[in-house]
N, C-alpha and C. Protein backbone atom coordinates (compact mmCIF):
# COMPACT_ATOMS: atom_id res chain seq x y z
N UNK A 1 94.08 110.38 138.99
CA UNK A 1 94.79 109.18 138.65
C UNK A 1 95.29 109.30 137.21
N UNK A 2 96.55 109.18 137.04
CA UNK A 2 97.14 109.27 135.71
C UNK A 2 97.49 107.87 135.23
N UNK A 3 97.26 107.68 133.97
CA UNK A 3 97.59 106.38 133.38
C UNK A 3 98.73 106.59 132.40
N UNK A 4 99.59 105.67 132.37
CA UNK A 4 100.68 105.73 131.41
C UNK A 4 100.28 104.92 130.19
N UNK A 5 100.62 105.43 128.99
CA UNK A 5 100.25 104.69 127.80
C UNK A 5 100.98 103.35 127.77
N UNK A 6 100.20 102.33 127.52
CA UNK A 6 100.82 101.00 127.44
C UNK A 6 101.46 100.83 126.07
N UNK A 7 102.59 100.23 126.07
CA UNK A 7 103.25 100.00 124.79
C UNK A 7 102.90 98.59 124.34
N UNK A 8 101.88 98.52 123.52
CA UNK A 8 101.44 97.23 122.99
C UNK A 8 102.47 96.72 122.00
N UNK A 9 102.74 95.43 122.03
CA UNK A 9 103.73 94.90 121.07
C UNK A 9 103.23 94.99 119.65
N UNK A 10 104.15 95.24 118.75
CA UNK A 10 103.83 95.30 117.33
C UNK A 10 103.54 93.88 116.86
N UNK A 11 102.38 93.62 116.23
CA UNK A 11 102.06 92.25 115.83
C UNK A 11 102.97 91.70 114.75
N UNK A 12 103.66 92.56 114.02
CA UNK A 12 104.53 92.08 112.95
C UNK A 12 105.95 91.80 113.38
N UNK A 13 106.26 92.07 114.67
CA UNK A 13 107.63 91.91 115.15
C UNK A 13 107.61 90.96 116.34
N UNK A 14 108.51 90.01 116.33
CA UNK A 14 108.60 89.08 117.45
C UNK A 14 109.09 89.81 118.69
N UNK A 15 108.61 89.42 119.87
CA UNK A 15 109.07 90.08 121.11
C UNK A 15 110.58 89.95 121.26
N UNK A 16 111.22 91.04 121.57
CA UNK A 16 112.67 91.05 121.76
C UNK A 16 113.46 91.14 120.48
N UNK A 17 112.80 91.18 119.33
CA UNK A 17 113.51 91.24 118.05
C UNK A 17 114.07 92.64 117.83
N UNK A 18 115.23 92.70 117.25
CA UNK A 18 115.87 93.97 116.93
C UNK A 18 115.56 94.33 115.49
N UNK A 19 115.10 95.54 115.27
CA UNK A 19 114.82 96.03 113.92
C UNK A 19 115.97 96.92 113.51
N UNK A 20 116.63 96.61 112.38
CA UNK A 20 117.74 97.46 111.95
C UNK A 20 117.28 98.88 111.68
N UNK A 21 118.14 99.84 111.95
CA UNK A 21 117.80 101.25 111.77
C UNK A 21 117.55 101.58 110.30
N UNK A 22 118.19 100.87 109.39
CA UNK A 22 118.04 101.16 107.97
C UNK A 22 117.01 100.26 107.31
N UNK A 23 116.13 99.64 108.09
CA UNK A 23 115.10 98.76 107.53
C UNK A 23 114.17 99.58 106.65
N UNK A 24 113.81 98.99 105.52
CA UNK A 24 112.94 99.67 104.56
C UNK A 24 111.49 99.52 105.02
N UNK A 25 111.00 100.50 105.76
CA UNK A 25 109.63 100.46 106.27
C UNK A 25 108.90 101.67 105.71
N UNK A 26 107.76 101.40 105.13
CA UNK A 26 106.95 102.50 104.59
C UNK A 26 106.07 103.06 105.70
N UNK A 27 105.50 104.25 105.50
CA UNK A 27 104.64 104.83 106.52
C UNK A 27 103.45 103.93 106.87
N UNK A 28 103.03 103.09 105.94
CA UNK A 28 101.92 102.20 106.20
C UNK A 28 102.30 101.04 107.11
N UNK A 29 103.56 100.86 107.38
CA UNK A 29 104.00 99.81 108.27
C UNK A 29 104.55 98.60 107.55
N UNK A 30 104.28 98.45 106.27
CA UNK A 30 104.78 97.30 105.52
C UNK A 30 106.15 97.58 104.95
N UNK A 31 106.77 96.54 104.45
CA UNK A 31 108.08 96.71 103.83
C UNK A 31 107.92 97.38 102.47
N UNK A 32 108.95 98.06 102.03
CA UNK A 32 108.95 98.82 100.79
C UNK A 32 109.15 97.89 99.60
N UNK A 33 108.41 98.11 98.53
CA UNK A 33 108.55 97.31 97.31
C UNK A 33 109.90 97.60 96.67
N UNK A 34 110.49 96.58 96.10
CA UNK A 34 111.80 96.69 95.47
C UNK A 34 111.79 97.78 94.40
N UNK A 35 112.67 98.78 94.52
CA UNK A 35 112.74 99.82 93.49
C UNK A 35 113.12 99.25 92.12
N UNK A 36 113.94 98.21 92.11
CA UNK A 36 114.34 97.60 90.84
C UNK A 36 113.14 96.97 90.14
N UNK A 37 112.22 96.39 90.91
CA UNK A 37 111.01 95.81 90.32
C UNK A 37 110.13 96.90 89.72
N UNK A 38 110.03 98.03 90.41
CA UNK A 38 109.23 99.15 89.90
C UNK A 38 109.86 99.69 88.62
N UNK A 39 111.17 99.87 88.63
CA UNK A 39 111.86 100.36 87.42
C UNK A 39 111.74 99.37 86.27
N UNK A 40 111.76 98.09 86.59
CA UNK A 40 111.62 97.07 85.54
C UNK A 40 110.26 97.20 84.86
N UNK A 41 109.22 97.42 85.66
CA UNK A 41 107.89 97.56 85.08
C UNK A 41 107.80 98.81 84.21
N UNK A 42 108.35 99.91 84.69
CA UNK A 42 108.33 101.15 83.89
C UNK A 42 109.15 100.99 82.60
N UNK A 43 110.31 100.38 82.71
CA UNK A 43 111.18 100.21 81.54
C UNK A 43 110.54 99.32 80.49
N UNK A 44 109.73 98.37 80.94
CA UNK A 44 109.09 97.44 80.00
C UNK A 44 108.26 98.16 78.96
N UNK A 45 107.62 99.25 79.34
CA UNK A 45 106.74 99.97 78.41
C UNK A 45 107.52 100.82 77.41
N UNK A 46 108.77 101.15 77.72
CA UNK A 46 109.54 102.01 76.82
C UNK A 46 110.64 101.24 76.09
N UNK A 47 111.34 100.36 76.79
CA UNK A 47 112.39 99.53 76.19
C UNK A 47 112.19 98.11 76.72
N UNK A 48 111.40 97.30 76.02
CA UNK A 48 111.05 95.98 76.55
C UNK A 48 112.25 95.11 76.93
N UNK A 49 113.32 95.18 76.15
CA UNK A 49 114.49 94.37 76.46
C UNK A 49 115.09 94.77 77.82
N UNK A 50 115.12 96.05 78.10
CA UNK A 50 115.61 96.51 79.40
C UNK A 50 114.68 96.04 80.52
N UNK A 51 113.38 96.02 80.25
CA UNK A 51 112.42 95.53 81.23
C UNK A 51 112.63 94.06 81.54
N UNK A 52 112.98 93.27 80.51
CA UNK A 52 113.24 91.85 80.71
C UNK A 52 114.47 91.66 81.61
N UNK A 53 115.53 92.36 81.28
CA UNK A 53 116.77 92.22 82.04
C UNK A 53 116.57 92.67 83.48
N UNK A 54 115.97 93.85 83.65
CA UNK A 54 115.75 94.37 85.00
C UNK A 54 114.76 93.51 85.77
N UNK A 55 113.79 92.95 85.08
CA UNK A 55 112.82 92.07 85.74
C UNK A 55 113.48 90.82 86.29
N UNK A 56 114.37 90.22 85.50
CA UNK A 56 115.10 89.04 85.98
C UNK A 56 116.00 89.40 87.17
N UNK A 57 116.67 90.54 87.09
CA UNK A 57 117.51 90.98 88.20
C UNK A 57 116.67 91.24 89.46
N UNK A 58 115.52 91.87 89.28
CA UNK A 58 114.64 92.17 90.42
C UNK A 58 114.09 90.89 91.04
N UNK A 59 113.74 89.90 90.21
CA UNK A 59 113.24 88.64 90.75
C UNK A 59 114.31 87.96 91.59
N UNK A 60 115.54 87.96 91.10
CA UNK A 60 116.64 87.35 91.86
C UNK A 60 116.88 88.11 93.16
N UNK A 61 116.83 89.43 93.09
CA UNK A 61 117.07 90.25 94.28
C UNK A 61 115.99 90.03 95.33
N UNK A 62 114.71 90.03 94.90
CA UNK A 62 113.63 89.86 95.87
C UNK A 62 113.63 88.45 96.45
N UNK A 63 114.01 87.48 95.67
CA UNK A 63 114.10 86.11 96.18
C UNK A 63 115.23 86.00 97.21
N UNK A 64 116.35 86.68 96.92
CA UNK A 64 117.51 86.61 97.80
C UNK A 64 117.29 87.39 99.10
N UNK A 65 116.73 88.60 99.00
CA UNK A 65 116.58 89.46 100.18
C UNK A 65 115.25 89.28 100.89
N UNK A 66 114.26 88.75 100.20
CA UNK A 66 112.95 88.58 100.81
C UNK A 66 112.10 89.84 100.79
N UNK A 67 112.57 90.91 100.14
CA UNK A 67 111.78 92.13 100.10
C UNK A 67 110.63 91.97 99.11
N UNK A 68 109.53 92.70 99.32
CA UNK A 68 108.38 92.60 98.43
C UNK A 68 108.71 93.10 97.02
N UNK A 69 107.97 92.59 96.05
CA UNK A 69 108.15 93.04 94.68
C UNK A 69 108.41 91.92 93.70
N UNK A 70 108.39 90.67 94.19
CA UNK A 70 108.69 89.55 93.30
C UNK A 70 107.64 89.43 92.19
N UNK A 71 106.36 89.55 92.56
CA UNK A 71 105.29 89.45 91.54
C UNK A 71 105.37 90.61 90.56
N UNK A 72 105.68 91.79 91.05
CA UNK A 72 105.82 92.95 90.17
C UNK A 72 106.95 92.73 89.17
N UNK A 73 108.06 92.17 89.64
CA UNK A 73 109.18 91.86 88.75
C UNK A 73 108.79 90.79 87.74
N UNK A 74 108.01 89.81 88.18
CA UNK A 74 107.55 88.75 87.26
C UNK A 74 106.64 89.34 86.18
N UNK A 75 105.74 90.22 86.57
CA UNK A 75 104.84 90.87 85.60
C UNK A 75 105.66 91.69 84.61
N UNK A 76 106.65 92.42 85.09
CA UNK A 76 107.50 93.21 84.20
C UNK A 76 108.24 92.32 83.21
N UNK A 77 108.73 91.19 83.68
CA UNK A 77 109.46 90.27 82.81
C UNK A 77 108.54 89.68 81.74
N UNK A 78 107.37 89.23 82.15
CA UNK A 78 106.43 88.63 81.19
C UNK A 78 105.97 89.67 80.16
N UNK A 79 105.63 90.86 80.63
CA UNK A 79 105.23 91.92 79.69
C UNK A 79 106.37 92.28 78.75
N UNK A 80 107.59 92.28 79.27
CA UNK A 80 108.76 92.56 78.42
C UNK A 80 108.89 91.55 77.29
N UNK A 81 108.68 90.27 77.61
CA UNK A 81 108.74 89.24 76.57
C UNK A 81 107.60 89.41 75.56
N UNK A 82 106.40 89.73 76.05
CA UNK A 82 105.25 89.92 75.15
C UNK A 82 105.49 91.11 74.23
N UNK A 83 105.93 92.23 74.80
CA UNK A 83 106.16 93.42 73.97
C UNK A 83 107.30 93.20 72.98
N UNK A 84 108.33 92.47 73.39
CA UNK A 84 109.43 92.17 72.47
C UNK A 84 108.94 91.30 71.32
N UNK A 85 108.10 90.33 71.60
CA UNK A 85 107.54 89.47 70.55
C UNK A 85 106.70 90.30 69.58
N UNK A 86 105.90 91.23 70.11
CA UNK A 86 105.07 92.08 69.25
C UNK A 86 105.95 92.93 68.35
N UNK A 87 107.00 93.52 68.91
CA UNK A 87 107.91 94.35 68.11
C UNK A 87 108.57 93.52 67.02
N UNK A 88 109.01 92.31 67.34
CA UNK A 88 109.65 91.45 66.34
C UNK A 88 108.68 91.05 65.23
N UNK A 89 107.43 90.74 65.60
CA UNK A 89 106.42 90.39 64.60
C UNK A 89 106.16 91.57 63.67
N UNK A 90 106.04 92.76 64.22
CA UNK A 90 105.80 93.95 63.39
C UNK A 90 106.98 94.19 62.46
N UNK A 91 108.20 94.05 62.97
CA UNK A 91 109.38 94.26 62.11
C UNK A 91 109.44 93.25 60.98
N UNK A 92 109.11 92.00 61.26
CA UNK A 92 109.10 90.98 60.21
C UNK A 92 108.03 91.30 59.18
N UNK A 93 106.86 91.70 59.63
CA UNK A 93 105.79 92.05 58.69
C UNK A 93 106.16 93.24 57.83
N UNK A 94 106.79 94.23 58.43
CA UNK A 94 107.20 95.42 57.66
C UNK A 94 108.24 95.03 56.61
N UNK A 95 109.09 94.06 56.92
CA UNK A 95 110.11 93.65 55.96
C UNK A 95 109.57 92.69 54.91
N UNK A 96 108.60 91.83 55.26
CA UNK A 96 108.16 90.77 54.35
C UNK A 96 106.99 91.20 53.47
N UNK A 97 106.05 91.95 53.99
CA UNK A 97 104.84 92.31 53.22
C UNK A 97 105.19 93.03 51.92
N UNK A 98 106.10 93.99 51.89
CA UNK A 98 106.43 94.62 50.60
C UNK A 98 107.01 93.62 49.59
N UNK A 99 107.74 92.65 50.07
CA UNK A 99 108.30 91.64 49.16
C UNK A 99 107.21 90.75 48.58
N UNK A 100 106.19 90.46 49.37
CA UNK A 100 105.11 89.59 48.91
C UNK A 100 104.13 90.31 47.98
N UNK A 101 104.07 91.61 48.07
CA UNK A 101 103.11 92.35 47.24
C UNK A 101 103.69 92.78 45.90
N UNK A 102 104.97 92.55 45.69
CA UNK A 102 105.55 92.89 44.39
C UNK A 102 105.05 91.90 43.36
N UNK A 103 104.67 92.42 42.20
CA UNK A 103 104.19 91.54 41.12
C UNK A 103 105.07 91.73 39.90
N UNK A 104 105.47 90.63 39.34
CA UNK A 104 106.26 90.69 38.10
C UNK A 104 107.63 91.28 38.32
N UNK A 105 108.24 91.66 37.19
CA UNK A 105 109.56 92.26 37.26
C UNK A 105 109.41 93.77 37.39
N UNK A 106 110.38 94.39 37.94
CA UNK A 106 110.29 95.85 38.10
C UNK A 106 110.26 96.54 36.74
N UNK A 107 109.49 97.57 36.66
CA UNK A 107 109.41 98.35 35.43
C UNK A 107 110.26 99.61 35.58
N UNK A 108 110.89 99.98 34.50
CA UNK A 108 111.74 101.17 34.51
C UNK A 108 111.08 102.20 33.62
N UNK A 109 111.08 103.40 34.09
CA UNK A 109 110.50 104.46 33.26
C UNK A 109 111.57 104.98 32.31
N UNK A 110 111.11 105.32 31.11
CA UNK A 110 112.03 105.86 30.11
C UNK A 110 111.88 107.38 30.10
N UNK A 111 112.99 108.03 30.06
CA UNK A 111 112.96 109.48 30.03
C UNK A 111 112.83 110.00 28.66
């Protein structure tokens, strides 16, 4: 007696639903995380301003398309703002501290 393998329905797909051939499906079966969100997170560590811009774009894209990666884009955006604030604080300190530590009038050496 031979048995034919039963084709059990996929729990993530409605019966009779058509799956587009170009659907972003990973080997694990879930949808693929937005590449823009991943790039936004990576860019945040090297160029925070680029991470902010890409993070906002990725959040809009994931909201519009419904693809995963919205939280990743949000994290990239928040980290971008934090890193940008840190860079600005350091630049202000580098510019202001030397001015505050000067005492009196400048002295000139005589040759």
